[in-house]
PDB file of N, CA and C in Angstrom:
ATOM      1  N   UNK A   1    -150.605 -77.568 -50.291  1.00  0.00           N
ATOM      2  CA  UNK A   1    -149.289 -77.008 -50.527  1.00  0.00           C
ATOM      3  C   UNK A   1    -149.308 -76.198 -51.821  1.00  0.00           C
ATOM      4  N   UNK A   2    -148.615 -75.081 -51.816  1.00  0.00           N
ATOM      5  CA  UNK A   2    -148.516 -74.175 -52.958  1.00  0.00           C
ATOM      6  C   UNK A   2    -147.059 -74.138 -53.411  1.00  0.00           C
ATOM      7  N   UNK A   3    -146.871 -74.195 -54.720  1.00  0.00           N
ATOM      8  CA  UNK A   3    -145.530 -74.081 -55.309  1.00  0.00           C
ATOM      9  C   UNK A   3    -145.375 -72.702 -55.930  1.00  0.00           C
ATOM     10  N   UNK A   4    -144.443 -71.931 -55.409  1.00  0.00           N
ATOM     11  CA  UNK A   4    -144.084 -70.640 -55.990  1.00  0.00           C
ATOM     12  C   UNK A   4    -143.003 -70.911 -57.028  1.00  0.00           C
ATOM     13  N   UNK A   5    -143.192 -70.375 -58.229  1.00  0.00           N
ATOM     14  CA  UNK A   5    -142.225 -70.544 -59.310  1.00  0.00           C
ATOM     15  C   UNK A   5    -141.787 -69.151 -59.752  1.00  0.00           C
ATOM     16  N   UNK A   6    -140.494 -68.870 -59.602  1.00  0.00           N
ATOM     17  CA  UNK A   6    -139.947 -67.565 -59.993  1.00  0.00           C
ATOM     18  C   UNK A   6    -138.858 -67.775 -61.033  1.00  0.00           C
ATOM     19  N   UNK A   7    -139.022 -67.145 -62.180  1.00  0.00           N
ATOM     20  CA  UNK A   7    -137.996 -67.149 -63.218  1.00  0.00           C
ATOM     21  C   UNK A   7    -137.095 -65.948 -62.950  1.00  0.00           C
ATOM     22  N   UNK A   8    -135.818 -66.212 -62.701  1.00  0.00           N
ATOM     23  CA  UNK A   8    -134.857 -65.171 -62.336  1.00  0.00           C
ATOM     24  C   UNK A   8    -133.845 -64.980 -63.449  1.00  0.00           C
ATOM     25  N   UNK A   9    -133.885 -63.816 -64.088  1.00  0.00           N
ATOM     26  CA  UNK A   9    -132.888 -63.447 -65.091  1.00  0.00           C
ATOM     27  C   UNK A   9    -131.887 -62.528 -64.438  1.00  0.00           C
ATOM     28  N   UNK A  10    -130.696 -63.050 -64.233  1.00  0.00           N
ATOM     29  CA  UNK A  10    -129.629 -62.312 -63.555  1.00  0.00           C
ATOM     30  C   UNK A  10    -128.834 -61.528 -64.596  1.00  0.00           C
ATOM     31  N   UNK A  11    -128.476 -60.313 -64.252  1.00  0.00           N
ATOM     32  CA  UNK A  11    -127.692 -59.473 -65.162  1.00  0.00           C
ATOM     33  C   UNK A  11    -126.395 -60.178 -65.544  1.00  0.00           C
ATOM     34  N   UNK A  12    -126.019 -60.034 -66.802  1.00  0.00           N
ATOM     35  CA  UNK A  12    -124.819 -60.687 -67.336  1.00  0.00           C
ATOM     36  C   UNK A  12    -123.600 -60.377 -66.476  1.00  0.00           C
ATOM     37  N   UNK A  13    -122.835 -61.404 -66.215  1.00  0.00           N
ATOM     38  CA  UNK A  13    -121.600 -61.257 -65.448  1.00  0.00           C
ATOM     39  C   UNK A  13    -121.786 -61.293 -63.947  1.00  0.00           C
ATOM     40  N   UNK A  14    -123.021 -61.414 -63.462  1.00  0.00           N
ATOM     41  CA  UNK A  14    -123.263 -61.368 -62.026  1.00  0.00           C
ATOM     42  C   UNK A  14    -123.720 -62.700 -61.432  1.00  0.00           C
ATOM     43  N   UNK A  15    -123.703 -63.750 -62.230  1.00  0.00           N
ATOM     44  CA  UNK A  15    -124.207 -65.039 -61.755  1.00  0.00           C
ATOM     45  C   UNK A  15    -123.461 -65.557 -60.525  1.00  0.00           C
ATOM     46  N   UNK A  16    -122.151 -65.493 -60.538  1.00  0.00           N
ATOM     47  CA  UNK A  16    -121.369 -65.990 -59.391  1.00  0.00           C
ATOM     48  C   UNK A  16    -121.680 -65.191 -58.140  1.00  0.00           C
ATOM     49  N   UNK A  17    -121.796 -63.866 -58.270  1.00  0.00           N
ATOM     50  CA  UNK A  17    -122.148 -63.021 -57.131  1.00  0.00           C
ATOM     51  C   UNK A  17    -123.542 -63.326 -56.630  1.00  0.00           C
ATOM     52  N   UNK A  18    -124.479 -63.515 -57.572  1.00  0.00           N
ATOM     53  CA  UNK A  18    -125.852 -63.845 -57.208  1.00  0.00           C
ATOM     54  C   UNK A  18    -125.898 -65.136 -56.402  1.00  0.00           C
ATOM     55  N   UNK A  19    -125.208 -66.160 -56.870  1.00  0.00           N
ATOM     56  CA  UNK A  19    -125.229 -67.456 -56.178  1.00  0.00           C
ATOM     57  C   UNK A  19    -124.646 -67.333 -54.773  1.00  0.00           C
ATOM     58  N   UNK A  20    -123.610 -66.537 -54.636  1.00  0.00           N
ATOM     59  CA  UNK A  20    -122.993 -66.345 -53.322  1.00  0.00           C
ATOM     60  C   UNK A  20    -123.957 -65.627 -52.370  1.00  0.00           C
ATOM     61  N   UNK A  21    -124.603 -64.583 -52.840  1.00  0.00           N
ATOM     62  CA  UNK A  21    -125.539 -63.832 -52.002  1.00  0.00           C
ATOM     63  C   UNK A  21    -126.780 -64.666 -51.704  1.00  0.00           C
ATOM     64  N   UNK A  22    -127.180 -65.499 -52.670  1.00  0.00           N
ATOM     65  CA  UNK A  22    -128.355 -66.342 -52.435  1.00  0.00           C
ATOM     66  C   UNK A  22    -128.128 -67.290 -51.264  1.00  0.00           C
ATOM     67  N   UNK A  23    -126.898 -67.724 -51.057  1.00  0.00           N
ATOM     68  CA  UNK A  23    -126.588 -68.577 -49.914  1.00  0.00           C
ATOM     69  C   UNK A  23    -127.004 -67.902 -48.610  1.00  0.00           C
ATOM     70  N   UNK A  24    -126.814 -66.606 -48.525  1.00  0.00           N
ATOM     71  CA  UNK A  24    -127.210 -65.846 -47.357  1.00  0.00           C
ATOM     72  C   UNK A  24    -128.721 -65.610 -47.346  1.00  0.00           C
ATOM     73  N   UNK A  25    -129.282 -65.233 -48.482  1.00  0.00           N
ATOM     74  CA  UNK A  25    -130.704 -64.893 -48.575  1.00  0.00           C
ATOM     75  C   UNK A  25    -131.611 -66.079 -48.308  1.00  0.00           C
ATOM     76  N   UNK A  26    -131.169 -67.277 -48.677  1.00  0.00           N
ATOM     77  CA  UNK A  26    -132.045 -68.436 -48.476  1.00  0.00           C
ATOM     78  C   UNK A  26    -132.327 -68.696 -47.002  1.00  0.00           C
ATOM     79  N   UNK A  27    -131.467 -68.230 -46.131  1.00  0.00           N
ATOM     80  CA  UNK A  27    -131.707 -68.373 -44.697  1.00  0.00           C
ATOM     81  C   UNK A  27    -132.925 -67.540 -44.267  1.00  0.00           C
ATOM     82  N   UNK A  28    -133.151 -66.444 -44.964  1.00  0.00           N
ATOM     83  CA  UNK A  28    -134.296 -65.584 -44.664  1.00  0.00           C
ATOM     84  C   UNK A  28    -135.590 -66.302 -45.006  1.00  0.00           C
ATOM     85  N   UNK A  29    -135.689 -66.775 -46.232  1.00  0.00           N
ATOM     86  CA  UNK A  29    -136.941 -67.391 -46.667  1.00  0.00           C
ATOM     87  C   UNK A  29    -137.218 -68.680 -45.907  1.00  0.00           C
ATOM     88  N   UNK A  30    -136.185 -69.444 -45.617  1.00  0.00           N
ATOM     89  CA  UNK A  30    -136.399 -70.723 -44.946  1.00  0.00           C
ATOM     90  C   UNK A  30    -136.810 -70.563 -43.487  1.00  0.00           C
ATOM     91  N   UNK A  31    -136.695 -69.359 -42.958  1.00  0.00           N
ATOM     92  CA  UNK A  31    -137.097 -69.117 -41.570  1.00  0.00           C
ATOM     93  C   UNK A  31    -138.545 -68.638 -41.450  1.00  0.00           C
ATOM     94  N   UNK A  32    -139.226 -68.453 -42.564  1.00  0.00           N
ATOM     95  CA  UNK A  32    -140.565 -67.884 -42.558  1.00  0.00           C
ATOM     96  C   UNK A  32    -141.630 -68.910 -42.184  1.00  0.00           C
ATOM     97  N   UNK A  33    -142.654 -68.453 -41.490  1.00  0.00           N
ATOM     98  CA  UNK A  33    -143.785 -69.301 -41.144  1.00  0.00           C
ATOM     99  C   UNK A  33    -144.477 -69.740 -42.447  1.00  0.00           C
ATOM    100  N   UNK A  34    -144.769 -71.008 -42.544  1.00  0.00           N
ATOM    101  CA  UNK A  34    -145.449 -71.538 -43.725  1.00  0.00           C
ATOM    102  C   UNK A  34    -144.508 -72.021 -44.815  1.00  0.00           C
ATOM    103  N   UNK A  35    -143.203 -71.764 -44.647  1.00  0.00           N
ATOM    104  CA  UNK A  35    -142.200 -72.252 -45.598  1.00  0.00           C
ATOM    105  C   UNK A  35    -142.032 -73.759 -45.428  1.00  0.00           C
ATOM    106  N   UNK A  36    -141.917 -74.477 -46.549  1.00  0.00           N
ATOM    107  CA  UNK A  36    -141.686 -75.915 -46.510  1.00  0.00           C
ATOM    108  C   UNK A  36    -140.295 -76.264 -47.042  1.00  0.00           C
ATOM    109  N   UNK A  37    -139.993 -75.831 -48.268  1.00  0.00           N
ATOM    110  CA  UNK A  37    -138.701 -76.157 -48.881  1.00  0.00           C
ATOM    111  C   UNK A  37    -138.483 -75.269 -50.107  1.00  0.00           C
ATOM    112  N   UNK A  38    -137.254 -75.277 -50.620  1.00  0.00           N
ATOM    113  CA  UNK A  38    -136.993 -74.546 -51.863  1.00  0.00           C
ATOM    114  C   UNK A  38    -135.855 -75.196 -52.628  1.00  0.00           C
ATOM    115  N   UNK A  39    -135.794 -74.841 -53.901  1.00  0.00           N
ATOM    116  CA  UNK A  39    -134.702 -75.242 -54.803  1.00  0.00           C
ATOM    117  C   UNK A  39    -134.350 -74.050 -55.674  1.00  0.00           C
ATOM    118  N   UNK A  40    -133.077 -73.846 -55.909  1.00  0.00           N
ATOM    119  CA  UNK A  40    -132.627 -72.878 -56.901  1.00  0.00           C
ATOM    120  C   UNK A  40    -131.908 -73.679 -57.975  1.00  0.00           C
ATOM    121  N   UNK A  41    -132.382 -73.563 -59.203  1.00  0.00           N
ATOM    122  CA  UNK A  41    -131.763 -74.301 -60.305  1.00  0.00           C
ATOM    123  C   UNK A  41    -131.297 -73.331 -61.383  1.00  0.00           C
ATOM    124  N   UNK A  42    -130.146 -73.662 -61.979  1.00  0.00           N
ATOM    125  CA  UNK A  42    -129.541 -72.823 -63.017  1.00  0.00           C
ATOM    126  C   UNK A  42    -129.832 -73.426 -64.383  1.00  0.00           C
ATOM    127  N   UNK A  43    -130.192 -72.586 -65.321  1.00  0.00           N
ATOM    128  CA  UNK A  43    -130.491 -73.012 -66.686  1.00  0.00           C
ATOM    129  C   UNK A  43    -129.214 -73.487 -67.390  1.00  0.00           C
ATOM    130  N   UNK A  44    -129.312 -74.575 -68.080  1.00  0.00           N
ATOM    131  CA  UNK A  44    -128.171 -75.107 -68.837  1.00  0.00           C
ATOM    132  C   UNK A  44    -127.910 -74.283 -70.083  1.00  0.00           C
ATOM    133  N   UNK A  45    -128.972 -73.848 -70.744  1.00  0.00           N
ATOM    134  CA  UNK A  45    -128.820 -73.109 -72.015  1.00  0.00           C
ATOM    135  C   UNK A  45    -128.486 -71.632 -71.826  1.00  0.00           C
ATOM    136  N   UNK A  46    -128.797 -71.078 -70.685  1.00  0.00           N
ATOM    137  CA  UNK A  46    -128.565 -69.646 -70.432  1.00  0.00           C
ATOM    138  C   UNK A  46    -127.973 -69.495 -69.031  1.00  0.00           C
ATOM    139  N   UNK A  47    -126.690 -69.223 -68.957  1.00  0.00           N
ATOM    140  CA  UNK A  47    -125.989 -69.196 -67.661  1.00  0.00           C
ATOM    141  C   UNK A  47    -126.467 -68.094 -66.724  1.00  0.00           C
ATOM    142  N   UNK A  48    -127.242 -67.158 -67.225  1.00  0.00           N
ATOM    143  CA  UNK A  48    -127.744 -66.061 -66.398  1.00  0.00           C
ATOM    144  C   UNK A  48    -129.204 -66.251 -65.970  1.00  0.00           C
ATOM    145  N   UNK A  49    -129.762 -67.416 -66.255  1.00  0.00           N
ATOM    146  CA  UNK A  49    -131.163 -67.672 -65.938  1.00  0.00           C
ATOM    147  C   UNK A  49    -131.287 -68.776 -64.894  1.00  0.00           C
ATOM    148  N   UNK A  50    -132.167 -68.517 -63.918  1.00  0.00           N
ATOM    149  CA  UNK A  50    -132.402 -69.451 -62.822  1.00  0.00           C
ATOM    150  C   UNK A  50    -133.898 -69.639 -62.642  1.00  0.00           C
ATOM    151  N   UNK A  51    -134.251 -70.695 -61.967  1.00  0.00           N
ATOM    152  CA  UNK A  51    -135.622 -70.894 -61.529  1.00  0.00           C
ATOM    153  C   UNK A  51    -135.580 -71.165 -60.033  1.00  0.00           C
ATOM    154  N   UNK A  52    -136.431 -70.456 -59.301  1.00  0.00           N
ATOM    155  CA  UNK A  52    -136.551 -70.657 -57.865  1.00  0.00           C
ATOM    156  C   UNK A  52    -137.901 -71.288 -57.604  1.00  0.00           C
ATOM    157  N   UNK A  53    -137.872 -72.443 -56.960  1.00  0.00           N
ATOM    158  CA  UNK A  53    -139.084 -73.187 -56.618  1.00  0.00           C
ATOM    159  C   UNK A  53    -139.199 -73.207 -55.103  1.00  0.00           C
ATOM    160  N   UNK A  54    -140.294 -72.661 -54.588  1.00  0.00           N
ATOM    161  CA  UNK A  54    -140.498 -72.620 -53.139  1.00  0.00           C
ATOM    162  C   UNK A  54    -141.842 -73.261 -52.813  1.00  0.00           C
ATOM    163  N   UNK A  55    -141.818 -74.222 -51.926  1.00  0.00           N
ATOM    164  CA  UNK A  55    -143.043 -74.847 -51.446  1.00  0.00           C
ATOM    165  C   UNK A  55    -143.493 -74.129 -50.179  1.00  0.00           C
ATOM    166  N   UNK A  56    -144.754 -73.704 -50.186  1.00  0.00           N
ATOM    167  CA  UNK A  56    -145.377 -73.009 -49.058  1.00  0.00           C
ATOM    168  C   UNK A  56    -146.584 -73.800 -48.596  1.00  0.00           C
ATOM    169  N   UNK A  57    -146.909 -73.695 -47.331  1.00  0.00           N
ATOM    170  CA  UNK A  57    -148.107 -74.358 -46.823  1.00  0.00           C
ATOM    171  C   UNK A  57    -149.368 -73.780 -47.451  1.00  0.00           C
ATOM    172  N   UNK A  58    -149.404 -72.451 -47.605  1.00  0.00           N
ATOM    173  CA  UNK A  58    -150.557 -71.759 -48.198  1.00  0.00           C
ATOM    174  C   UNK A  58    -150.058 -70.629 -49.102  1.00  0.00           C
ATOM    175  N   UNK A  59    -150.929 -70.142 -49.955  1.00  0.00           N
ATOM    176  CA  UNK A  59    -150.593 -68.984 -50.785  1.00  0.00           C
ATOM    177  C   UNK A  59    -150.312 -67.770 -49.903  1.00  0.00           C
ATOM    178  N   UNK A  60    -151.110 -67.610 -48.859  1.00  0.00           N
ATOM    179  CA  UNK A  60    -150.960 -66.463 -47.964  1.00  0.00           C
ATOM    180  C   UNK A  60    -149.642 -66.473 -47.207  1.00  0.00           C
ATOM    181  N   UNK A  61    -149.094 -67.652 -46.965  1.00  0.00           N
ATOM    182  CA  UNK A  61    -147.792 -67.730 -46.304  1.00  0.00           C
ATOM    183  C   UNK A  61    -146.741 -66.983 -47.123  1.00  0.00           C
ATOM    184  N   UNK A  62    -146.876 -67.046 -48.443  1.00  0.00           N
ATOM    185  CA  UNK A  62    -145.939 -66.328 -49.309  1.00  0.00           C
ATOM    186  C   UNK A  62    -146.371 -64.879 -49.527  1.00  0.00           C
ATOM    187  N   UNK A  63    -147.607 -64.691 -50.008  1.00  0.00           N
ATOM    188  CA  UNK A  63    -148.039 -63.357 -50.431  1.00  0.00           C
ATOM    189  C   UNK A  63    -148.239 -62.383 -49.293  1.00  0.00           C
ATOM    190  N   UNK A  64    -148.632 -62.889 -48.139  1.00  0.00           N
ATOM    191  CA  UNK A  64    -148.853 -62.015 -46.982  1.00  0.00           C
ATOM    192  C   UNK A  64    -147.751 -62.189 -45.940  1.00  0.00           C
ATOM    193  N   UNK A  65    -147.545 -63.429 -45.503  1.00  0.00           N
ATOM    194  CA  UNK A  65    -146.562 -63.679 -44.455  1.00  0.00           C
ATOM    195  C   UNK A  65    -145.150 -63.271 -44.817  1.00  0.00           C
ATOM    196  N   UNK A  66    -144.679 -63.692 -45.983  1.00  0.00           N
ATOM    197  CA  UNK A  66    -143.319 -63.359 -46.397  1.00  0.00           C
ATOM    198  C   UNK A  66    -143.244 -61.978 -47.039  1.00  0.00           C
ATOM    199  N   UNK A  67    -144.058 -61.748 -48.050  1.00  0.00           N
ATOM    200  CA  UNK A  67    -143.951 -60.500 -48.805  1.00  0.00           C
ATOM    201  C   UNK A  67    -144.259 -59.254 -47.990  1.00  0.00           C
ATOM    202  N   UNK A  68    -145.000 -59.387 -46.916  1.00  0.00           N
ATOM    203  CA  UNK A  68    -145.344 -58.214 -46.106  1.00  0.00           C
ATOM    204  C   UNK A  68    -144.520 -58.152 -44.817  1.00  0.00           C
ATOM    205  N   UNK A  69    -143.471 -58.963 -44.749  1.00  0.00           N
ATOM    206  CA  UNK A  69    -142.648 -59.008 -43.535  1.00  0.00           C
ATOM    207  C   UNK A  69    -141.436 -58.098 -43.631  1.00  0.00           C
ATOM    208  N   UNK A  70    -140.865 -57.787 -42.480  1.00  0.00           N
ATOM    209  CA  UNK A  70    -139.602 -57.044 -42.446  1.00  0.00           C
ATOM    210  C   UNK A  70    -138.488 -57.861 -43.081  1.00  0.00           C
ATOM    211  N   UNK A  71    -138.557 -59.182 -42.936  1.00  0.00           N
ATOM    212  CA  UNK A  71    -137.533 -60.064 -43.519  1.00  0.00           C
ATOM    213  C   UNK A  71    -137.511 -59.934 -45.033  1.00  0.00           C
ATOM    214  N   UNK A  72    -138.674 -59.684 -45.647  1.00  0.00           N
ATOM    215  CA  UNK A  72    -138.734 -59.516 -47.106  1.00  0.00           C
ATOM    216  C   UNK A  72    -137.922 -58.293 -47.550  1.00  0.00           C
ATOM    217  N   UNK A  73    -137.863 -57.276 -46.730  1.00  0.00           N
ATOM    218  CA  UNK A  73    -137.068 -56.097 -47.065  1.00  0.00           C
ATOM    219  C   UNK A  73    -135.583 -56.460 -47.137  1.00  0.00           C
ATOM    220  N   UNK A  74    -135.141 -57.340 -46.256  1.00  0.00           N
ATOM    221  CA  UNK A  74    -133.752 -57.822 -46.314  1.00  0.00           C
ATOM    222  C   UNK A  74    -133.535 -58.656 -47.568  1.00  0.00           C
ATOM    223  N   UNK A  75    -134.486 -59.527 -47.901  1.00  0.00           N
ATOM    224  CA  UNK A  75    -134.432 -60.350 -49.109  1.00  0.00           C
ATOM    225  C   UNK A  75    -134.303 -59.442 -50.338  1.00  0.00           C
ATOM    226  N   UNK A  76    -135.155 -58.422 -50.397  1.00  0.00           N
ATOM    227  CA  UNK A  76    -135.114 -57.462 -51.509  1.00  0.00           C
ATOM    228  C   UNK A  76    -133.753 -56.788 -51.619  1.00  0.00           C
ATOM    229  N   UNK A  77    -133.259 -56.311 -50.486  1.00  0.00           N
ATOM    230  CA  UNK A  77    -131.973 -55.593 -50.469  1.00  0.00           C
ATOM    231  C   UNK A  77    -130.851 -56.483 -50.976  1.00  0.00           C
ATOM    232  N   UNK A  78    -130.876 -57.755 -50.598  1.00  0.00           N
ATOM    233  CA  UNK A  78    -129.821 -58.683 -51.006  1.00  0.00           C
ATOM    234  C   UNK A  78    -129.912 -59.084 -52.470  1.00  0.00           C
ATOM    235  N   UNK A  79    -131.120 -59.288 -52.989  1.00  0.00           N
ATOM    236  CA  UNK A  79    -131.258 -59.954 -54.292  1.00  0.00           C
ATOM    237  C   UNK A  79    -131.812 -59.128 -55.439  1.00  0.00           C
ATOM    238  N   UNK A  80    -132.685 -58.191 -55.199  1.00  0.00           N
ATOM    239  CA  UNK A  80    -133.428 -57.576 -56.292  1.00  0.00           C
ATOM    240  C   UNK A  80    -132.559 -56.813 -57.292  1.00  0.00           C
ATOM    241  N   UNK A  81    -131.422 -56.317 -56.871  1.00  0.00           N
ATOM    242  CA  UNK A  81    -130.582 -55.570 -57.811  1.00  0.00           C
ATOM    243  C   UNK A  81    -129.892 -56.482 -58.846  1.00  0.00           C
ATOM    244  N   UNK A  82    -129.964 -57.794 -58.665  1.00  0.00           N
ATOM    245  CA  UNK A  82    -129.352 -58.720 -59.632  1.00  0.00           C
ATOM    246  C   UNK A  82    -130.237 -58.951 -60.858  1.00  0.00           C
ATOM    247  N   UNK A  83    -131.528 -58.633 -60.785  1.00  0.00           N
ATOM    248  CA  UNK A  83    -132.469 -59.056 -61.809  1.00  0.00           C
ATOM    249  C   UNK A  83    -132.721 -58.020 -62.892  1.00  0.00           C
ATOM    250  N   UNK A  84    -132.798 -58.509 -64.138  1.00  0.00           N
ATOM    251  CA  UNK A  84    -133.209 -57.691 -65.271  1.00  0.00           C
ATOM    252  C   UNK A  84    -133.714 -58.619 -66.376  1.00  0.00           C
ATOM    253  N   UNK A  85    -135.019 -58.623 -66.595  1.00  0.00           N
ATOM    254  CA  UNK A  85    -136.070 -57.848 -65.949  1.00  0.00           C
ATOM    255  C   UNK A  85    -136.417 -58.428 -64.587  1.00  0.00           C
ATOM    256  N   UNK A  86    -137.328 -57.757 -63.886  1.00  0.00           N
ATOM    257  CA  UNK A  86    -137.769 -58.240 -62.591  1.00  0.00           C
ATOM    258  C   UNK A  86    -138.447 -59.597 -62.782  1.00  0.00           C
ATOM    259  N   UNK A  87    -138.274 -60.512 -61.849  1.00  0.00           N
ATOM    260  CA  UNK A  87    -138.782 -61.881 -62.013  1.00  0.00           C
ATOM    261  C   UNK A  87    -140.293 -61.992 -62.185  1.00  0.00           C
ATOM    262  N   UNK A  88    -140.647 -62.976 -62.984  1.00  0.00           N
ATOM    263  CA  UNK A  88    -142.036 -63.411 -63.085  1.00  0.00           C
ATOM    264  C   UNK A  88    -142.247 -64.425 -61.971  1.00  0.00           C
ATOM    265  N   UNK A  89    -143.264 -64.221 -61.155  1.00  0.00           N
ATOM    266  CA  UNK A  89    -143.556 -65.129 -60.049  1.00  0.00           C
ATOM    267  C   UNK A  89    -145.000 -65.596 -60.178  1.00  0.00           C
ATOM    268  N   UNK A  90    -145.178 -66.920 -60.174  1.00  0.00           N
ATOM    269  CA  UNK A  90    -146.520 -67.494 -60.255  1.00  0.00           C
ATOM    270  C   UNK A  90    -146.643 -68.586 -59.194  1.00  0.00           C
ATOM    271  N   UNK A  91    -147.869 -68.924 -58.894  1.00  0.00           N
ATOM    272  CA  UNK A  91    -148.157 -69.933 -57.857  1.00  0.00           C
ATOM    273  C   UNK A  91    -148.956 -71.082 -58.472  1.00  0.00           C
ATOM    274  N   UNK A  92    -148.640 -72.297 -58.043  1.00  0.00           N
ATOM    275  CA  UNK A  92    -149.274 -73.493 -58.583  1.00  0.00           C
ATOM    276  C   UNK A  92    -149.736 -74.379 -57.447  1.00  0.00           C
ATOM    277  N   UNK A  93    -150.810 -75.134 -57.725  1.00  0.00           N
ATOM    278  CA  UNK A  93    -151.265 -76.121 -56.755  1.00  0.00           C
ATOM    279  C   UNK A  93    -151.362 -77.471 -57.433  1.00  0.00           C
ATOM    280  N   UNK A  94    -151.163 -78.507 -56.648  1.00  0.00           N
ATOM    281  CA  UNK A  94    -151.141 -79.888 -57.151  1.00  0.00           C
ATOM    282  C   UNK A  94    -152.500 -80.263 -57.712  1.00  0.00           C
ATOM    283  N   UNK A  95    -152.484 -80.844 -58.901  1.00  0.00           N
ATOM    284  CA  UNK A  95    -153.694 -81.408 -59.490  1.00  0.00           C
ATOM    285  C   UNK A  95    -153.643 -82.918 -59.325  1.00  0.00           C
ATOM    286  N   UNK A  96    -152.510 -83.481 -59.651  1.00  0.00           N
ATOM    287  CA  UNK A  96    -152.349 -84.923 -59.563  1.00  0.00           C
ATOM    288  C   UNK A  96    -150.880 -85.257 -59.366  1.00  0.00           C
ATOM    289  N   UNK A  97    -150.617 -86.264 -58.557  1.00  0.00           N
ATOM    290  CA  UNK A  97    -149.254 -86.718 -58.313  1.00  0.00           C
ATOM    291  C   UNK A  97    -149.112 -88.118 -58.876  1.00  0.00           C
ATOM    292  N   UNK A  98    -148.044 -88.328 -59.593  1.00  0.00           N
ATOM    293  CA  UNK A  98    -147.764 -89.634 -60.179  1.00  0.00           C
ATOM    294  C   UNK A  98    -146.658 -90.316 -59.395  1.00  0.00           C
ATOM    295  N   UNK A  99    -146.896 -91.526 -58.978  1.00  0.00           N
ATOM    296  CA  UNK A  99    -145.859 -92.293 -58.286  1.00  0.00           C
ATOM    297  C   UNK A  99    -145.468 -93.453 -59.187  1.00  0.00           C
ATOM    298  N   UNK A 100    -144.161 -93.630 -59.340  1.00  0.00           N
ATOM    299  CA  UNK A 100    -143.680 -94.740 -60.184  1.00  0.00           C
ATOM    300  C   UNK A 100    -143.144 -95.874 -59.356  1.00  0.00           C
TER     301      UNK A 100
END
């Protein structure tokens, strides 16, 4: 499993609009092959900053399957105009899991 981590800086004053549009956009990503789950979290210290965490079966499910799909063009159209600067996106893989 691969964890996609995207830091989203939303333009000032657009957070409520972004959250509303994200409700629609998340249907796009969750329908993609290789998608497992996602979370959108809002920063407590900065009301215009979010983190998007998406679990994918493989790196290619995100970088090729999603990013090279027609559905990604809809995702872009819905969300990309909210960001300044454009998001930093990185991918992580599990090294160790701790169970308590």
